[in-house]
Amino acid sequence: MRLNRLLLALLSLLGTACATTPARDVSSTSQPAAVAEQRAFLWEVTRPGTPDKPLYLTGSVHLGRPGQFVFPPSMEAALVRSQALVVELDPDKASSQAQRLVMSLGLLPPADSLSAHLSPETRALLPQALQRVGLPAQAVERMRPWLVSVSLSVLEMQKAGYSEAGGIDRLLLARARGSKSIVELETIEGQLNMLSGFPDEMQDLMLREQLKGSELTAVTMAQVATAWEGGNPEALAQVIFAQKDDPAYKPYYEALFFTRNRQMADKLAALLDKPETHFAVVGAGHLVGEGGLLDLMARKGFQVRQLPRE
C-alpha cells in the first residue's frame, strides 16, 4: 500500500479516539434538541478582568463528509475577530516530514512481520477486516500494529464517505490561509513518537478493539458529529471516554489525551498574553471531560464560557 495516500488522514485521526473506542448510545443522556441547538461547540476563554481580550476555543471533528459542518454565526464572528488560527498541526507543513517518519516509526525491519507482534485473537480477526476495506494481507505485514489500527480506521471512514478535507480544522485552515497567522501547538514528530511509543501489548489491544468494532466506526463518527453540531460536550465525552476507567486503557488515554492536554493548556494560556486574538481548534476529545482543556483552563484561573450559536 502506498503510505502517502493515508498520511494526512492518519494524522487527522489523532484526538478522536475512533480507532479504539466502540460506539456507544448516548441518546438518553444528550440534552433535548431545543436546548442543545442553542449552544455552539465554541468557548471564550479570558483572564478575569480582561473580557475584551478573549481566546476562542473549539473542537474539531477531524474527518467529515462534504458540506457536513456549517459554522454557526457565533463562530463566524469569532473568526472575523481573530488574527491567528491555532491548530494541533498544519498538515500542509507536516506532510513533507510525514512520509519519512511513518517509514521509520510505523514499519518493522525487513526480517520482522506484523504477525509476530499480534496475539492469536488479533491475528484471527485481521483477515476479515482487511477484506472489507479491500486491502491485501501483504500490504500490512510490515506495519507495526498501531499503524495498521489507524490505517484501517481511516479506510473504514473513507468507505463511509468521510475525508480529511471535510474535517473542521481543514475547513478553518482554508479560511485562514493568507489572512491569519497559523500557530501550531504540536509537531508531527511528537505525535508519531507518541503512537509508536506504545508497547506491543498496547498496540495489539488498540488493533484488536479496532477490528472488533470496525463496522461501527462510522456510527461513532456520526455520534461525535452530532455532539459537535448540538454544542454538547457531555455527550461527546461519553463517546470518547467510554473506556477510560478500564485499567488496560489508562496508558492509552494518558498518552493520547491527558499528557497532551496539559501541554496544550500551557501553550494556550501563554497565547492570552499575546497582542493578537487567537482562535484555537484542536481535536474535540481534547476539550471535554475531567482533564480536558476546558477543565484545565478553568483550573488555571481563566474564565471559560460556552458561546451560543447566534
C-alpha atoms as a PDB file:
ATOM      1  CA  MET A   1       0.000   0.000   0.000  1.00  0.00           C
ATOM      2  CA  ARG A   2       1.267   3.485  -0.782  1.00  0.00           C
ATOM      3  CA  LEU A   3       1.604   5.205   2.563  1.00  0.00           C
ATOM      4  CA  ASN A   4       1.221   8.747   1.270  1.00  0.00           C
ATOM      5  CA  ARG A   5      -2.454   8.266   0.373  1.00  0.00           C
ATOM      6  CA  LEU A   6      -3.217   7.794   4.087  1.00  0.00           C
ATOM      7  CA  LEU A   7      -0.766  10.117   5.788  1.00  0.00           C
ATOM      8  CA  LEU A   8      -2.841  13.255   6.216  1.00  0.00           C
ATOM      9  CA  ALA A   9      -5.953  11.337   7.158  1.00  0.00           C
ATOM     10  CA  LEU A  10      -3.897   9.240   9.580  1.00  0.00           C
ATOM     11  CA  LEU A  11      -2.595  12.325  11.338  1.00  0.00           C
ATOM     12  CA  SER A  12      -6.034  13.896  11.440  1.00  0.00           C
ATOM     13  CA  LEU A  13      -7.360  10.921  13.424  1.00  0.00           C
ATOM     14  CA  LEU A  14      -5.318  11.876  16.495  1.00  0.00           C
ATOM     15  CA  GLY A  15      -7.618  13.101  19.228  1.00  0.00           C
ATOM     16  CA  THR A  16     -10.821  11.469  18.044  1.00  0.00           C
ATOM     17  CA  ALA A  17     -10.170   8.080  19.644  1.00  0.00           C
ATOM     18  CA  CYS A  18     -12.295   6.389  16.998  1.00  0.00           C
ATOM     19  CA  ALA A  19      -9.559   3.855  16.359  1.00  0.00           C
ATOM     20  CA  THR A  20     -10.083   2.114  19.681  1.00  0.00           C
ATOM     21  CA  THR A  21     -13.316   3.093  21.390  1.00  0.00           C
ATOM     22  CA  PRO A  22     -16.522   1.333  20.310  1.00  0.00           C
ATOM     23  CA  ALA A  23     -19.682   3.222  19.519  1.00  0.00           C
ATOM     24  CA  ARG A  24     -21.957   3.904  22.469  1.00  0.00           C
ATOM     25  CA  ASP A  25     -25.558   5.045  22.554  1.00  0.00           C
ATOM     26  CA  VAL A  26     -25.663   8.486  24.175  1.00  0.00           C
ATOM     27  CA  SER A  27     -29.183   9.455  23.141  1.00  0.00           C
ATOM     28  CA  SER A  28     -30.588   9.086  26.648  1.00  0.00           C
ATOM     29  CA  THR A  29     -28.040  11.480  28.136  1.00  0.00           C
ATOM     30  CA  SER A  30     -27.959  14.100  25.402  1.00  0.00           C
ATOM     31  CA  GLN A  31     -29.766  17.341  26.116  1.00  0.00           C
ATOM     32  CA  PRO A  32     -33.131  17.949  24.405  1.00  0.00           C
ATOM     33  CA  ALA A  33     -32.741  19.252  20.876  1.00  0.00           C
ATOM     34  CA  ALA A  34     -34.332  22.599  21.721  1.00  0.00           C
ATOM     35  CA  VAL A  35     -31.685  23.213  24.390  1.00  0.00           C
ATOM     36  CA  ALA A  36     -28.670  21.743  22.604  1.00  0.00           C
ATOM     37  CA  GLU A  37     -29.385  23.682  19.423  1.00  0.00           C
ATOM     38  CA  GLN A  38     -28.823  26.957  21.258  1.00  0.00           C
ATOM     39  CA  ARG A  39     -25.195  26.201  22.073  1.00  0.00           C
ATOM     40  CA  ALA A  40     -22.204  26.273  19.777  1.00  0.00           C
ATOM     41  CA  PHE A  41     -19.244  23.952  20.276  1.00  0.00           C
ATOM     42  CA  LEU A  42     -17.257  27.104  20.973  1.00  0.00           C
ATOM     43  CA  TRP A  43     -15.851  28.650  24.129  1.00  0.00           C
ATOM     44  CA  GLU A  44     -14.493  32.056  25.054  1.00  0.00           C
ATOM     45  CA  VAL A  45     -11.521  31.995  27.453  1.00  0.00           C
ATOM     46  CA  THR A  46     -10.494  35.221  29.200  1.00  0.00           C
ATOM     47  CA  ARG A  47      -8.446  36.377  32.141  1.00  0.00           C
ATOM     48  CA  PRO A  48     -10.557  37.760  34.992  1.00  0.00           C
ATOM     49  CA  GLY A  49     -10.929  41.495  34.485  1.00  0.00           C
ATOM     50  CA  THR A  50      -9.995  41.468  30.784  1.00  0.00           C
ATOM     51  CA  PRO A  51     -13.154  40.308  28.961  1.00  0.00           C
ATOM     52  CA  ASP A  52     -12.194  42.235  25.824  1.00  0.00           C
ATOM     53  CA  LYS A  53      -9.106  40.021  25.235  1.00  0.00           C
ATOM     54  CA  PRO A  54     -10.504  36.536  24.534  1.00  0.00           C
ATOM     55  CA  LEU A  55      -9.087  33.276  23.277  1.00  0.00           C
ATOM     56  CA  TYR A  56     -11.682  31.359  21.267  1.00  0.00           C
ATOM     57  CA  LEU A  57     -11.561  27.576  21.565  1.00  0.00           C
ATOM     58  CA  THR A  58     -13.403  24.956  19.536  1.00  0.00           C
ATOM     59  CA  GLY A  59     -13.030  21.247  18.970  1.00  0.00           C
ATOM     60  CA  SER A  60     -12.504  19.606  15.621  1.00  0.00           C
ATOM     61  CA  VAL A  61     -14.088  16.533  14.161  1.00  0.00           C
ATOM     62  CA  HIS A  62     -11.071  15.792  12.010  1.00  0.00           C
ATOM     63  CA  LEU A  63     -12.893  13.885   9.260  1.00  0.00           C
ATOM     64  CA  GLY A  64     -16.197  14.864   7.694  1.00  0.00           C
ATOM     65  CA  ARG A  65     -18.484  14.384   4.729  1.00  0.00           C
ATOM     66  CA  PRO A  66     -18.644  17.135   2.088  1.00  0.00           C
ATOM     67  CA  GLY A  67     -20.760  20.021   3.371  1.00  0.00           C
ATOM     68  CA  GLN A  68     -21.465  18.287   6.673  1.00  0.00           C
ATOM     69  CA  PHE A  69     -20.244  21.023   9.009  1.00  0.00           C
ATOM     70  CA  VAL A  70     -21.686  24.534   8.852  1.00  0.00           C
ATOM     71  CA  PHE A  71     -20.229  27.078  11.260  1.00  0.00           C
ATOM     72  CA  PRO A  72     -22.823  28.859  13.430  1.00  0.00           C
ATOM     73  CA  PRO A  73     -22.952  32.689  13.415  1.00  0.00           C
ATOM     74  CA  SER A  74     -21.063  32.992  16.712  1.00  0.00           C
ATOM     75  CA  MET A  75     -18.148  31.014  15.269  1.00  0.00           C
ATOM     76  CA  GLU A  76     -18.127  33.120  12.134  1.00  0.00           C
ATOM     77  CA  ALA A  77     -17.971  36.263  14.293  1.00  0.00           C
ATOM     78  CA  ALA A  78     -15.132  34.850  16.397  1.00  0.00           C
ATOM     79  CA  LEU A  79     -13.167  34.030  13.247  1.00  0.00           C
ATOM     80  CA  VAL A  80     -13.575  37.575  11.956  1.00  0.00           C
ATOM     81  CA  ARG A  81     -12.362  38.985  15.259  1.00  0.00           C
ATOM     82  CA  SER A  82      -9.263  36.737  15.402  1.00  0.00           C
ATOM     83  CA  GLN A  83      -5.898  37.478  13.819  1.00  0.00           C
ATOM     84  CA  ALA A  84      -4.388  33.999  14.330  1.00  0.00           C
ATOM     85  CA  LEU A  85      -5.607  30.416  13.947  1.00  0.00           C
ATOM     86  CA  VAL A  86      -4.151  27.874  16.375  1.00  0.00           C
ATOM     87  CA  VAL A  87      -4.090  24.189  15.332  1.00  0.00           C
ATOM     88  CA  GLU A  88      -2.531  20.983  16.574  1.00  0.00           C
ATOM     89  CA  LEU A  89      -0.610  20.685  13.304  1.00  0.00           C
ATOM     90  CA  ASP A  90      -0.639  22.403   9.960  1.00  0.00           C
ATOM     91  CA  PRO A  91      -0.986  19.319   7.705  1.00  0.00           C
ATOM     92  CA  ASP A  92       0.466  21.109   4.693  1.00  0.00           C
ATOM     93  CA  LYS A  93       3.692  21.670   6.618  1.00  0.00           C
ATOM     94  CA  ALA A  94       3.660  18.263   8.318  1.00  0.00           C
ATOM     95  CA  SER A  95       3.208  16.258   5.123  1.00  0.00           C
ATOM     96  CA  SER A  96       6.780  16.908   3.990  1.00  0.00           C
ATOM     97  CA  GLN A  97       8.102  15.053   7.045  1.00  0.00           C
ATOM     98  CA  ALA A  98       5.298  12.527   7.497  1.00  0.00           C
ATOM     99  CA  GLN A  99       6.422  10.010   4.866  1.00  0.00           C
ATOM    100  CA  ARG A 100       9.905   9.695   6.358  1.00  0.00           C
ATOM    101  CA  LEU A 101       8.624   9.492   9.928  1.00  0.00           C
ATOM    102  CA  VAL A 102       5.959   6.882   9.187  1.00  0.00           C
ATOM    103  CA  MET A 103       8.538   4.791   7.347  1.00  0.00           C
ATOM    104  CA  SER A 104      10.888   4.900  10.335  1.00  0.00           C
ATOM    105  CA  LEU A 105       8.327   4.669  13.153  1.00  0.00           C
ATOM    106  CA  GLY A 106       5.495   2.686  11.573  1.00  0.00           C
ATOM    107  CA  LEU A 107       7.285  -0.067   9.689  1.00  0.00           C
ATOM    108  CA  LEU A 108       9.025  -3.160  11.008  1.00  0.00           C
ATOM    109  CA  PRO A 109      12.543  -4.238   9.985  1.00  0.00           C
ATOM    110  CA  PRO A 110      12.701  -6.439   6.846  1.00  0.00           C
ATOM    111  CA  ALA A 111      13.199  -9.651   8.822  1.00  0.00           C
ATOM    112  CA  ASP A 112      10.242  -8.922  11.122  1.00  0.00           C
ATOM    113  CA  SER A 113       6.488  -9.242  10.489  1.00  0.00           C
ATOM    114  CA  LEU A 114       3.211  -7.945  11.878  1.00  0.00           C
ATOM    115  CA  SER A 115       2.031 -11.452  12.766  1.00  0.00           C
ATOM    116  CA  ALA A 116       4.893 -11.878  15.223  1.00  0.00           C
ATOM    117  CA  HIS A 117       3.598  -8.910  17.249  1.00  0.00           C
ATOM    118  CA  LEU A 118      -0.063  -9.946  17.448  1.00  0.00           C
ATOM    119  CA  SER A 119      -1.965 -12.191  19.811  1.00  0.00           C
ATOM    120  CA  PRO A 120      -3.775 -15.196  18.296  1.00  0.00           C
ATOM    121  CA  GLU A 121      -7.134 -13.438  18.770  1.00  0.00           C
ATOM    122  CA  THR A 122      -5.997 -10.329  16.890  1.00  0.00           C
ATOM    123  CA  ARG A 123      -4.478 -12.393  14.076  1.00  0.00           C
ATOM    124  CA  ALA A 124      -7.763 -14.271  13.666  1.00  0.00           C
ATOM    125  CA  LEU A 125      -9.770 -11.033  13.351  1.00  0.00           C
ATOM    126  CA  LEU A 126      -7.482  -9.309  10.851  1.00  0.00           C
ATOM    127  CA  PRO A 127      -8.276 -11.059   7.505  1.00  0.00           C
ATOM    128  CA  GLN A 128     -11.983 -10.175   7.527  1.00  0.00           C
ATOM    129  CA  ALA A 129     -11.271  -6.508   8.286  1.00  0.00           C
ATOM    130  CA  LEU A 130      -8.681  -6.317   5.519  1.00  0.00           C
ATOM    131  CA  GLN A 131     -11.098  -7.913   3.042  1.00  0.00           C
ATOM    132  CA  ARG A 132     -13.837  -5.425   3.970  1.00  0.00           C
ATOM    133  CA  VAL A 133     -11.677  -2.421   3.012  1.00  0.00           C
ATOM    134  CA  GLY A 134     -10.070  -4.166   0.034  1.00  0.00           C
ATOM    135  CA  LEU A 135      -6.565  -4.359   1.466  1.00  0.00           C
ATOM    136  CA  PRO A 136      -4.377  -7.437   0.781  1.00  0.00           C
ATOM    137  CA  ALA A 137      -2.680  -9.035   3.760  1.00  0.00           C
ATOM    138  CA  GLN A 138       0.802  -8.434   2.359  1.00  0.00           C
ATOM    139  CA  ALA A 139       0.123  -4.679   2.360  1.00  0.00           C
ATOM    140  CA  VAL A 140       0.181  -4.553   6.170  1.00  0.00           C
ATOM    141  CA  GLU A 141       2.596  -7.341   7.010  1.00  0.00           C
ATOM    142  CA  ARG A 142       5.479  -4.944   7.600  1.00  0.00           C
ATOM    143  CA  MET A 143       3.423  -2.365   9.515  1.00  0.00           C
ATOM    144  CA  ARG A 144       3.556  -2.031  13.269  1.00  0.00           C
ATOM    145  CA  PRO A 145       0.189  -2.728  14.922  1.00  0.00           C
ATOM    146  CA  TRP A 146      -0.510   0.953  15.729  1.00  0.00           C
ATOM    147  CA  LEU A 147      -0.179   1.898  12.065  1.00  0.00           C
ATOM    148  CA  VAL A 148      -2.448  -0.949  10.959  1.00  0.00           C
ATOM    149  CA  SER A 149      -5.051   0.127  13.518  1.00  0.00           C
ATOM    150  CA  VAL A 150      -5.126   3.757  12.443  1.00  0.00           C
ATOM    151  CA  SER A 151      -4.928   2.914   8.735  1.00  0.00           C
ATOM    152  CA  LEU A 152      -7.898   0.545   8.932  1.00  0.00           C
ATOM    153  CA  SER A 153      -9.887   3.121  10.872  1.00  0.00           C
ATOM    154  CA  VAL A 154      -9.196   5.756   8.228  1.00  0.00           C
ATOM    155  CA  LEU A 155     -10.123   3.380   5.407  1.00  0.00           C
ATOM    156  CA  GLU A 156     -13.383   2.454   7.150  1.00  0.00           C
ATOM    157  CA  MET A 157     -14.285   6.139   7.437  1.00  0.00           C
ATOM    158  CA  GLN A 158     -13.324   6.844   3.834  1.00  0.00           C
ATOM    159  CA  LYS A 159     -15.563   3.956   2.806  1.00  0.00           C
ATOM    160  CA  ALA A 160     -18.401   5.643   4.723  1.00  0.00           C
ATOM    161  CA  GLY A 161     -17.838   8.924   2.854  1.00  0.00           C
ATOM    162  CA  TYR A 162     -15.660  10.775   5.384  1.00  0.00           C
ATOM    163  CA  SER A 163     -12.494  12.563   4.363  1.00  0.00           C
ATOM    164  CA  GLU A 164      -9.839  14.754   5.904  1.00  0.00           C
ATOM    165  CA  ALA A 165     -10.864  17.579   3.544  1.00  0.00           C
ATOM    166  CA  GLY A 166     -14.274  17.774   5.217  1.00  0.00           C
ATOM    167  CA  GLY A 167     -12.869  17.998   8.746  1.00  0.00           C
ATOM    168  CA  ILE A 168     -13.429  21.127  10.821  1.00  0.00           C
ATOM    169  CA  ASP A 169      -9.764  22.034  11.254  1.00  0.00           C
ATOM    170  CA  ARG A 170      -9.182  21.709   7.493  1.00  0.00           C
ATOM    171  CA  LEU A 171     -12.157  23.981   6.806  1.00  0.00           C
ATOM    172  CA  LEU A 172     -10.831  26.545   9.268  1.00  0.00           C
ATOM    173  CA  LEU A 173      -7.327  26.374   7.803  1.00  0.00           C
ATOM    174  CA  ALA A 174      -8.735  27.007   4.324  1.00  0.00           C
ATOM    175  CA  ARG A 175     -10.487  30.103   5.651  1.00  0.00           C
ATOM    176  CA  ALA A 176      -7.365  31.356   7.438  1.00  0.00           C
ATOM    177  CA  ARG A 177      -4.798  30.940   4.665  1.00  0.00           C
ATOM    178  CA  GLY A 178      -3.491  34.296   3.543  1.00  0.00           C
ATOM    179  CA  SER A 179      -5.441  36.323   6.106  1.00  0.00           C
ATOM    180  CA  LYS A 180      -4.352  34.991   9.508  1.00  0.00           C
ATOM    181  CA  SER A 181      -1.160  33.657  11.000  1.00  0.00           C
ATOM    182  CA  ILE A 182      -1.100  29.904  11.700  1.00  0.00           C
ATOM    183  CA  VAL A 183       0.177  28.733  15.094  1.00  0.00           C
ATOM    184  CA  GLU A 184       0.954  25.058  15.759  1.00  0.00           C
ATOM    185  CA  LEU A 185       0.690  23.511  19.224  1.00  0.00           C
ATOM    186  CA  GLU A 186       2.451  20.238  18.404  1.00  0.00           C
ATOM    187  CA  THR A 187       4.881  18.630  15.975  1.00  0.00           C
ATOM    188  CA  ILE A 188       4.495  15.673  13.660  1.00  0.00           C
ATOM    189  CA  GLU A 189       7.478  14.045  15.380  1.00  0.00           C
ATOM    190  CA  GLY A 190       5.806  14.316  18.770  1.00  0.00           C
ATOM    191  CA  GLN A 191       2.505  12.876  17.588  1.00  0.00           C
ATOM    192  CA  LEU A 192       4.005   9.883  15.789  1.00  0.00           C
ATOM    193  CA  ASN A 193       6.532   9.193  18.547  1.00  0.00           C
ATOM    194  CA  MET A 194       3.609   9.051  20.964  1.00  0.00           C
ATOM    195  CA  LEU A 195       1.793   6.426  18.896  1.00  0.00           C
ATOM    196  CA  SER A 196       4.879   4.361  18.153  1.00  0.00           C
ATOM    197  CA  GLY A 197       5.933   4.520  21.801  1.00  0.00           C
ATOM    198  CA  PHE A 198       3.143   2.245  22.993  1.00  0.00           C
ATOM    199  CA  PRO A 199       4.437  -1.220  23.979  1.00  0.00           C
ATOM    200  CA  ASP A 200       3.485  -4.183  21.796  1.00  0.00           C
ATOM    201  CA  GLU A 201       0.732  -5.247  24.224  1.00  0.00           C
ATOM    202  CA  MET A 202      -0.971  -1.849  23.975  1.00  0.00           C
ATOM    203  CA  GLN A 203      -0.617  -1.720  20.195  1.00  0.00           C
ATOM    204  CA  ASP A 204      -2.109  -5.203  19.938  1.00  0.00           C
ATOM    205  CA  LEU A 205      -5.041  -4.123  22.130  1.00  0.00           C
ATOM    206  CA  MET A 206      -5.603  -0.995  20.021  1.00  0.00           C
ATOM    207  CA  LEU A 207      -5.689  -3.061  16.840  1.00  0.00           C
ATOM    208  CA  ARG A 208      -7.888  -5.777  18.337  1.00  0.00           C
ATOM    209  CA  GLU A 209     -10.501  -3.279  19.520  1.00  0.00           C
ATOM    210  CA  GLN A 210     -10.414  -1.578  16.123  1.00  0.00           C
ATOM    211  CA  LEU A 211     -11.012  -4.933  14.418  1.00  0.00           C
ATOM    212  CA  LYS A 212     -13.882  -5.841  16.755  1.00  0.00           C
ATOM    213  CA  GLY A 213     -15.654  -2.528  16.256  1.00  0.00           C
ATOM    214  CA  SER A 214     -14.578  -1.574  12.748  1.00  0.00           C
ATOM    215  CA  GLU A 215     -18.098  -1.834  11.342  1.00  0.00           C
ATOM    216  CA  LEU A 216     -19.202   0.727  13.955  1.00  0.00           C
ATOM    217  CA  THR A 217     -16.501   3.284  13.140  1.00  0.00           C
ATOM    218  CA  ALA A 218     -18.878   5.379  11.040  1.00  0.00           C
ATOM    219  CA  VAL A 219     -21.529   5.158  13.797  1.00  0.00           C
ATOM    220  CA  THR A 220     -19.031   6.555  16.301  1.00  0.00           C
ATOM    221  CA  MET A 221     -18.120   9.347  13.904  1.00  0.00           C
ATOM    222  CA  ALA A 222     -21.798  10.213  13.488  1.00  0.00           C
ATOM    223  CA  GLN A 223     -22.226  10.402  17.279  1.00  0.00           C
ATOM    224  CA  VAL A 224     -19.204  12.695  17.585  1.00  0.00           C
ATOM    225  CA  ALA A 225     -20.516  14.929  14.786  1.00  0.00           C
ATOM    226  CA  THR A 226     -23.982  15.116  16.373  1.00  0.00           C
ATOM    227  CA  ALA A 227     -22.468  16.170  19.704  1.00  0.00           C
ATOM    228  CA  TRP A 228     -20.421  18.866  17.963  1.00  0.00           C
ATOM    229  CA  GLU A 229     -23.353  20.201  15.964  1.00  0.00           C
ATOM    230  CA  GLY A 230     -25.502  20.334  19.123  1.00  0.00           C
ATOM    231  CA  GLY A 231     -22.820  22.033  21.220  1.00  0.00           C
ATOM    232  CA  ASN A 232     -22.972  19.093  23.617  1.00  0.00           C
ATOM    233  CA  PRO A 233     -19.602  18.430  25.326  1.00  0.00           C
ATOM    234  CA  GLU A 234     -21.164  15.988  27.799  1.00  0.00           C
ATOM    235  CA  ALA A 235     -22.388  13.669  25.032  1.00  0.00           C
ATOM    236  CA  LEU A 236     -19.046  13.870  23.266  1.00  0.00           C
ATOM    237  CA  ALA A 237     -17.152  12.936  26.433  1.00  0.00           C
ATOM    238  CA  GLN A 238     -19.312   9.840  26.844  1.00  0.00           C
ATOM    239  CA  VAL A 239     -18.401   8.654  23.354  1.00  0.00           C
ATOM    240  CA  ILE A 240     -14.697   9.438  23.531  1.00  0.00           C
ATOM    241  CA  PHE A 241     -14.032   8.297  27.097  1.00  0.00           C
ATOM    242  CA  ALA A 242     -16.264   5.250  27.268  1.00  0.00           C
ATOM    243  CA  GLN A 243     -13.342   3.066  28.410  1.00  0.00           C
ATOM    244  CA  LYS A 244     -11.170   5.493  30.333  1.00  0.00           C
ATOM    245  CA  ASP A 245     -11.734   3.699  33.665  1.00  0.00           C
ATOM    246  CA  ASP A 246     -10.606   0.356  32.247  1.00  0.00           C
ATOM    247  CA  PRO A 247      -7.062  -0.234  33.604  1.00  0.00           C
ATOM    248  CA  ALA A 248      -5.997  -1.719  30.270  1.00  0.00           C
ATOM    249  CA  TYR A 249      -6.751   1.590  28.533  1.00  0.00           C
ATOM    250  CA  LYS A 250      -5.283   4.009  31.047  1.00  0.00           C
ATOM    251  CA  PRO A 251      -1.855   4.258  29.295  1.00  0.00           C
ATOM    252  CA  TYR A 252      -3.656   4.929  26.009  1.00  0.00           C
ATOM    253  CA  TYR A 253      -5.821   7.748  27.382  1.00  0.00           C
ATOM    254  CA  GLU A 254      -2.939   9.241  29.329  1.00  0.00           C
ATOM    255  CA  ALA A 255      -0.681   9.406  26.261  1.00  0.00           C
ATOM    256  CA  LEU A 256      -3.243  10.335  23.619  1.00  0.00           C
ATOM    257  CA  PHE A 257      -5.215  12.831  25.688  1.00  0.00           C
ATOM    258  CA  PHE A 258      -4.208  13.849  29.191  1.00  0.00           C
ATOM    259  CA  THR A 259      -0.464  14.413  28.753  1.00  0.00           C
ATOM    260  CA  ARG A 260      -1.061  16.320  25.540  1.00  0.00           C
ATOM    261  CA  ASN A 261      -3.918  18.287  27.141  1.00  0.00           C
ATOM    262  CA  ARG A 262      -1.632  19.599  29.871  1.00  0.00           C
ATOM    263  CA  GLN A 263       0.973  20.655  27.317  1.00  0.00           C
ATOM    264  CA  MET A 264      -1.626  22.334  25.116  1.00  0.00           C
ATOM    265  CA  ALA A 265      -3.189  24.156  28.083  1.00  0.00           C
ATOM    266  CA  ASP A 266       0.160  25.730  28.975  1.00  0.00           C
ATOM    267  CA  LYS A 267       0.659  26.930  25.404  1.00  0.00           C
ATOM    268  CA  LEU A 268      -2.885  28.273  25.095  1.00  0.00           C
ATOM    269  CA  ALA A 269      -2.520  30.153  28.380  1.00  0.00           C
ATOM    270  CA  ALA A 270       0.612  31.845  27.041  1.00  0.00           C
ATOM    271  CA  LEU A 271      -1.280  32.983  23.928  1.00  0.00           C
ATOM    272  CA  LEU A 272      -3.607  35.081  26.087  1.00  0.00           C
ATOM    273  CA  ASP A 273      -0.641  37.348  26.803  1.00  0.00           C
ATOM    274  CA  LYS A 274      -0.060  37.999  23.088  1.00  0.00           C
ATOM    275  CA  PRO A 275      -1.467  41.144  21.462  1.00  0.00           C
ATOM    276  CA  GLU A 276      -3.334  39.158  18.794  1.00  0.00           C
ATOM    277  CA  THR A 277      -6.684  37.470  19.325  1.00  0.00           C
ATOM    278  CA  HIS A 278      -6.318  33.729  18.748  1.00  0.00           C
ATOM    279  CA  PHE A 279      -8.906  31.214  17.544  1.00  0.00           C
ATOM    280  CA  ALA A 280      -7.825  27.693  18.563  1.00  0.00           C
ATOM    281  CA  VAL A 281      -9.096  24.399  17.154  1.00  0.00           C
ATOM    282  CA  VAL A 282      -7.932  21.026  18.462  1.00  0.00           C
ATOM    283  CA  GLY A 283      -9.412  17.549  18.380  1.00  0.00           C
ATOM    284  CA  ALA A 284     -12.798  17.730  20.102  1.00  0.00           C
ATOM    285  CA  GLY A 285     -11.818  14.980  22.534  1.00  0.00           C
ATOM    286  CA  HIS A 286      -9.138  17.245  23.969  1.00  0.00           C
ATOM    287  CA  LEU A 287     -11.690  19.792  25.180  1.00  0.00           C
ATOM    288  CA  VAL A 288     -14.130  17.710  27.158  1.00  0.00           C
ATOM    289  CA  GLY A 289     -14.311  15.828  30.422  1.00  0.00           C
ATOM    290  CA  GLU A 290     -12.144  15.935  33.518  1.00  0.00           C
ATOM    291  CA  GLY A 291      -8.598  16.760  32.487  1.00  0.00           C
ATOM    292  CA  GLY A 292      -9.794  18.273  29.198  1.00  0.00           C
ATOM    293  CA  LEU A 293      -8.747  21.727  28.057  1.00  0.00           C
ATOM    294  CA  LEU A 294     -11.928  23.405  29.302  1.00  0.00           C
ATOM    295  CA  ASP A 295     -11.337  21.927  32.739  1.00  0.00           C
ATOM    296  CA  LEU A 296      -7.623  22.730  32.745  1.00  0.00           C
ATOM    297  CA  MET A 297      -8.070  26.333  31.631  1.00  0.00           C
ATOM    298  CA  ALA A 298     -10.657  26.891  34.376  1.00  0.00           C
ATOM    299  CA  ARG A 299      -8.254  25.394  36.925  1.00  0.00           C
ATOM    300  CA  LYS A 300      -5.620  27.882  35.787  1.00  0.00           C
ATOM    301  CA  GLY A 301      -7.948  30.688  36.834  1.00  0.00           C
ATOM    302  CA  PHE A 302      -9.321  31.659  33.428  1.00  0.00           C
ATOM    303  CA  GLN A 303     -12.988  32.362  32.833  1.00  0.00           C
ATOM    304  CA  VAL A 304     -14.373  29.786  30.407  1.00  0.00           C
ATOM    305  CA  ARG A 305     -17.757  30.486  28.822  1.00  0.00           C
ATOM    306  CA  GLN A 306     -19.568  28.455  26.200  1.00  0.00           C
ATOM    307  CA  LEU A 307     -20.996  30.681  23.482  1.00  0.00           C
ATOM    308  CA  PRO A 308     -24.480  30.460  21.977  1.00  0.00           C
ATOM    309  CA  ARG A 309     -24.936  29.616  18.326  1.00  0.00           C
ATOM    310  CA  GLU A 310     -26.311  33.044  17.410  1.00  0.00           C
END
